[in-house]
Structure formats: C-alpha cells, structure tokens
Amino acid sequence: MWRFPYPAHDTMPKTMKTVTISHTTKTYPKHSYQTVKDDILGKTYELSLVFIGSTRAQQLNISTRGKDYIPNVLSFPYDQKAGEIFICPTAAKREASKFDLTYNQYVLYLFIHGLLHLKGLDHGDKMDKAEIKYLKRYT
C-alpha cells in the first residue's frame, strides 16, 4: 500500500479547520492562504500547504504520479473535507514570467489551481474562468 511520503497530514489535529503551512524551502510568498482556502473550499475543509524544493517535488511527482519532472504544484485530496497542496517555489520563479505574472502572483495562482483541483475541477474552461476570478479577487 502506498504511504504518503510527508507526515504533514498525520500530524493535523482532527478538529483543525484551517490551513497548516510548512516548508522545506528557505522562503515562500506570504498571502492570505486561509481566506482564499475558505472562499474556495469552505471553512470546514482541512488543508495542509507545503512549500518544497525541486528535488523533493520531483521525487513526489515520481512516487505519486510516475512523472519524472519538477512540478509547480501538486494537490492530493484525502477525503471530501481534507487535502494537501505542495508548491515548488523554484518552479514558480522559473515559470511566472511565461504567464505575465510576478512570482508572488504566480504562487497565488498555483495555490488557487491546487484548491480548484481539490474541489473537483479538472483542467478546462470552467477551471480557467475560476482561476481568473479568484486571482483577480486576491491580487
């Protein structure tokens, strides 16, 4: 049986209905992650947000999806009311200008993208419209 490689979800108290942020990187952009999460997933959703380096991001992508590249964001639902998002700031810095966004805006976009996946949206027009709506609301 596959076991999640990072312990963040094991240590979250069952009564917590918030965003728990951890990181293995030196820095990460500060945003109103709690407010954005509450808006998209609701106040009762438990979320762990982890900022990870390129090596760990690639290892996680290989072990969970069988894909051998450095992802910018990965999201994992645990159930209907809990999940985890991993963001790689190194990938975000490299990609932000391709989307005409600043690094900070792009990290927020990636967070929103991960939240929408946890909400059940797949890539497509509906997700694109929701990403634009929330990015405008929070930038």
C-alpha atoms as a PDB file:
ATOM      1  CA  MET A   1       0.000   0.000   0.000  1.00  0.00           C
ATOM      2  CA  TRP A   2       1.275   3.452  -0.909  1.00  0.00           C
ATOM      3  CA  ARG A   3       2.088   5.632   2.094  1.00  0.00           C
ATOM      4  CA  PHE A   4       2.268   9.379   1.746  1.00  0.00           C
ATOM      5  CA  PRO A   5       5.943  10.414   1.932  1.00  0.00           C
ATOM      6  CA  TYR A   6       5.424  13.530   4.037  1.00  0.00           C
ATOM      7  CA  PRO A   7       3.977  13.493   7.556  1.00  0.00           C
ATOM      8  CA  ALA A   8       2.003  16.749   7.456  1.00  0.00           C
ATOM      9  CA  HIS A   9      -1.377  15.023   7.166  1.00  0.00           C
ATOM     10  CA  ASP A  10      -0.573  12.622  10.022  1.00  0.00           C
ATOM     11  CA  THR A  11       0.041  15.464  12.452  1.00  0.00           C
ATOM     12  CA  MET A  12      -3.012  17.602  11.679  1.00  0.00           C
ATOM     13  CA  PRO A  13      -5.444  17.645  14.589  1.00  0.00           C
ATOM     14  CA  LYS A  14      -8.848  16.306  13.578  1.00  0.00           C
ATOM     15  CA  THR A  15     -10.564  19.400  14.975  1.00  0.00           C
ATOM     16  CA  MET A  16      -8.469  21.816  12.900  1.00  0.00           C
ATOM     17  CA  LYS A  17     -10.364  23.520  10.082  1.00  0.00           C
ATOM     18  CA  THR A  18      -7.579  25.690   8.798  1.00  0.00           C
ATOM     19  CA  VAL A  19      -4.574  25.915   6.536  1.00  0.00           C
ATOM     20  CA  THR A  20      -1.404  24.493   8.041  1.00  0.00           C
ATOM     21  CA  ILE A  21       1.686  25.828   6.263  1.00  0.00           C
ATOM     22  CA  SER A  22       5.040  24.072   6.357  1.00  0.00           C
ATOM     23  CA  HIS A  23       8.076  24.377   4.164  1.00  0.00           C
ATOM     24  CA  THR A  24      11.402  22.831   3.311  1.00  0.00           C
ATOM     25  CA  THR A  25      12.437  25.939   1.378  1.00  0.00           C
ATOM     26  CA  LYS A  26      14.115  28.998   2.867  1.00  0.00           C
ATOM     27  CA  THR A  27      11.293  31.354   1.970  1.00  0.00           C
ATOM     28  CA  TYR A  28       7.863  31.403   0.415  1.00  0.00           C
ATOM     29  CA  PRO A  29       5.445  34.196  -0.523  1.00  0.00           C
ATOM     30  CA  LYS A  30       3.086  35.378   2.169  1.00  0.00           C
ATOM     31  CA  HIS A  31      -0.541  35.509   1.104  1.00  0.00           C
ATOM     32  CA  SER A  32      -3.938  35.237   2.800  1.00  0.00           C
ATOM     33  CA  TYR A  33      -3.935  31.473   2.221  1.00  0.00           C
ATOM     34  CA  GLN A  34      -6.588  30.904   4.883  1.00  0.00           C
ATOM     35  CA  THR A  35      -9.013  33.401   3.325  1.00  0.00           C
ATOM     36  CA  VAL A  36      -8.543  32.022  -0.191  1.00  0.00           C
ATOM     37  CA  LYS A  37      -8.974  28.433   1.034  1.00  0.00           C
ATOM     38  CA  ASP A  38     -12.135  29.347   2.953  1.00  0.00           C
ATOM     39  CA  ASP A  39     -13.562  31.085  -0.121  1.00  0.00           C
ATOM     40  CA  ILE A  40     -12.943  28.169  -2.480  1.00  0.00           C
ATOM     41  CA  LEU A  41     -13.255  25.073  -0.274  1.00  0.00           C
ATOM     42  CA  GLY A  42     -15.168  26.377   2.735  1.00  0.00           C
ATOM     43  CA  LYS A  43     -14.232  26.972   6.338  1.00  0.00           C
ATOM     44  CA  THR A  44     -14.551  23.343   7.404  1.00  0.00           C
ATOM     45  CA  TYR A  45     -12.025  21.985   4.902  1.00  0.00           C
ATOM     46  CA  GLU A  46      -8.695  20.944   6.460  1.00  0.00           C
ATOM     47  CA  LEU A  47      -5.728  21.844   4.284  1.00  0.00           C
ATOM     48  CA  SER A  48      -2.001  21.346   4.585  1.00  0.00           C
ATOM     49  CA  LEU A  49       0.067  23.639   2.333  1.00  0.00           C
ATOM     50  CA  VAL A  50       3.702  22.626   1.875  1.00  0.00           C
ATOM     51  CA  PHE A  51       6.407  24.576   0.047  1.00  0.00           C
ATOM     52  CA  ILE A  52       9.063  22.162  -1.182  1.00  0.00           C
ATOM     53  CA  GLY A  53      12.304  22.316  -3.125  1.00  0.00           C
ATOM     54  CA  SER A  54      12.868  20.987  -6.628  1.00  0.00           C
ATOM     55  CA  THR A  55      14.365  17.654  -5.587  1.00  0.00           C
ATOM     56  CA  ARG A  56      11.519  16.762  -3.245  1.00  0.00           C
ATOM     57  CA  ALA A  57       8.933  17.994  -5.736  1.00  0.00           C
ATOM     58  CA  GLN A  58      10.368  15.762  -8.445  1.00  0.00           C
ATOM     59  CA  GLN A  59      10.599  12.768  -6.093  1.00  0.00           C
ATOM     60  CA  LEU A  60       6.998  13.295  -5.012  1.00  0.00           C
ATOM     61  CA  ASN A  61       5.865  13.571  -8.626  1.00  0.00           C
ATOM     62  CA  ILE A  62       7.658  10.319  -9.486  1.00  0.00           C
ATOM     63  CA  SER A  63       6.364   8.412  -6.464  1.00  0.00           C
ATOM     64  CA  THR A  64       2.749   9.554  -6.732  1.00  0.00           C
ATOM     65  CA  ARG A  65       2.162  10.108 -10.453  1.00  0.00           C
ATOM     66  CA  GLY A  66       5.000   8.267 -12.181  1.00  0.00           C
ATOM     67  CA  LYS A  67       6.068  11.509 -13.882  1.00  0.00           C
ATOM     68  CA  ASP A  68       9.762  12.444 -13.894  1.00  0.00           C
ATOM     69  CA  TYR A  69       9.836  16.245 -13.913  1.00  0.00           C
ATOM     70  CA  ILE A  70       9.703  19.077 -11.384  1.00  0.00           C
ATOM     71  CA  PRO A  71       6.057  20.082 -10.932  1.00  0.00           C
ATOM     72  CA  ASN A  72       4.991  23.576  -9.931  1.00  0.00           C
ATOM     73  CA  VAL A  73       2.040  22.361  -7.839  1.00  0.00           C
ATOM     74  CA  LEU A  74       0.631  19.029  -6.716  1.00  0.00           C
ATOM     75  CA  SER A  75      -2.627  18.521  -4.864  1.00  0.00           C
ATOM     76  CA  PHE A  76      -3.831  15.430  -3.024  1.00  0.00           C
ATOM     77  CA  PRO A  77      -7.336  15.019  -1.651  1.00  0.00           C
ATOM     78  CA  TYR A  78      -7.573  12.765   1.401  1.00  0.00           C
ATOM     79  CA  ASP A  79     -11.344  12.837   1.536  1.00  0.00           C
ATOM     80  CA  GLN A  80     -14.182  15.310   0.950  1.00  0.00           C
ATOM     81  CA  LYS A  81     -13.023  17.546   3.790  1.00  0.00           C
ATOM     82  CA  ALA A  82      -9.228  17.349   3.815  1.00  0.00           C
ATOM     83  CA  GLY A  83      -6.320  17.568   1.425  1.00  0.00           C
ATOM     84  CA  GLU A  84      -2.780  18.738   0.864  1.00  0.00           C
ATOM     85  CA  ILE A  85      -1.122  21.044  -1.662  1.00  0.00           C
ATOM     86  CA  PHE A  86       2.600  21.091  -2.471  1.00  0.00           C
ATOM     87  CA  ILE A  87       4.058  24.132  -4.245  1.00  0.00           C
ATOM     88  CA  CYS A  88       7.602  24.304  -5.604  1.00  0.00           C
ATOM     89  CA  PRO A  89       8.776  27.957  -5.397  1.00  0.00           C
ATOM     90  CA  THR A  90      11.759  27.225  -7.665  1.00  0.00           C
ATOM     91  CA  ALA A  91       9.449  26.105 -10.466  1.00  0.00           C
ATOM     92  CA  ALA A  92       7.181  29.085  -9.791  1.00  0.00           C
ATOM     93  CA  LYS A  93      10.084  31.530 -10.124  1.00  0.00           C
ATOM     94  CA  ARG A  94      11.114  29.936 -13.407  1.00  0.00           C
ATOM     95  CA  GLU A  95       7.584  29.936 -14.897  1.00  0.00           C
ATOM     96  CA  ALA A  96       5.934  33.155 -13.640  1.00  0.00           C
ATOM     97  CA  SER A  97       7.052  35.395 -16.489  1.00  0.00           C
ATOM     98  CA  LYS A  98       5.579  32.967 -19.068  1.00  0.00           C
ATOM     99  CA  PHE A  99       2.152  33.873 -17.658  1.00  0.00           C
ATOM    100  CA  ASP A 100       2.822  37.620 -17.340  1.00  0.00           C
ATOM    101  CA  LEU A 101       2.602  37.312 -13.558  1.00  0.00           C
ATOM    102  CA  THR A 102       5.010  38.248 -10.816  1.00  0.00           C
ATOM    103  CA  TYR A 103       6.476  35.434  -8.759  1.00  0.00           C
ATOM    104  CA  ASN A 104       4.115  36.254  -5.858  1.00  0.00           C
ATOM    105  CA  GLN A 105       1.075  36.374  -8.147  1.00  0.00           C
ATOM    106  CA  TYR A 106       2.045  33.077  -9.751  1.00  0.00           C
ATOM    107  CA  VAL A 107       2.406  31.309  -6.405  1.00  0.00           C
ATOM    108  CA  LEU A 108      -1.083  32.541  -5.512  1.00  0.00           C
ATOM    109  CA  TYR A 109      -2.309  31.277  -8.902  1.00  0.00           C
ATOM    110  CA  LEU A 110      -0.744  27.851  -8.217  1.00  0.00           C
ATOM    111  CA  PHE A 111      -2.405  27.761  -4.789  1.00  0.00           C
ATOM    112  CA  ILE A 112      -5.775  28.591  -6.370  1.00  0.00           C
ATOM    113  CA  HIS A 113      -5.167  25.957  -9.061  1.00  0.00           C
ATOM    114  CA  GLY A 114      -4.484  23.322  -6.391  1.00  0.00           C
ATOM    115  CA  LEU A 115      -7.590  24.334  -4.422  1.00  0.00           C
ATOM    116  CA  LEU A 116      -9.765  24.023  -7.502  1.00  0.00           C
ATOM    117  CA  HIS A 117      -8.423  20.522  -8.137  1.00  0.00           C
ATOM    118  CA  LEU A 118      -9.262  19.627  -4.521  1.00  0.00           C
ATOM    119  CA  LYS A 119     -12.744  20.992  -5.167  1.00  0.00           C
ATOM    120  CA  GLY A 120     -13.051  18.524  -8.035  1.00  0.00           C
ATOM    121  CA  LEU A 121     -12.399  20.696 -11.083  1.00  0.00           C
ATOM    122  CA  ASP A 122     -10.345  19.366 -13.975  1.00  0.00           C
ATOM    123  CA  HIS A 123      -8.351  21.391 -16.485  1.00  0.00           C
ATOM    124  CA  GLY A 124     -10.592  23.227 -18.922  1.00  0.00           C
ATOM    125  CA  ASP A 125     -12.695  26.341 -19.444  1.00  0.00           C
ATOM    126  CA  LYS A 126     -14.517  26.109 -16.115  1.00  0.00           C
ATOM    127  CA  MET A 127     -11.241  25.881 -14.188  1.00  0.00           C
ATOM    128  CA  ASP A 128      -9.634  28.654 -16.267  1.00  0.00           C
ATOM    129  CA  LYS A 129     -12.533  31.023 -15.529  1.00  0.00           C
ATOM    130  CA  ALA A 130     -12.460  30.211 -11.809  1.00  0.00           C
ATOM    131  CA  GLU A 131      -8.684  30.755 -11.647  1.00  0.00           C
ATOM    132  CA  ILE A 132      -9.020  34.191 -13.253  1.00  0.00           C
ATOM    133  CA  LYS A 133     -11.901  35.130 -10.962  1.00  0.00           C
ATOM    134  CA  TYR A 134     -10.063  34.196  -7.758  1.00  0.00           C
ATOM    135  CA  LEU A 135      -6.723  35.617  -8.882  1.00  0.00           C
ATOM    136  CA  LYS A 136      -8.392  38.978  -9.586  1.00  0.00           C
ATOM    137  CA  ARG A 137     -10.168  38.829  -6.236  1.00  0.00           C
ATOM    138  CA  TYR A 138      -6.993  38.241  -4.215  1.00  0.00           C
ATOM    139  CA  THR A 139      -4.367  40.314  -6.053  1.00  0.00           C
END
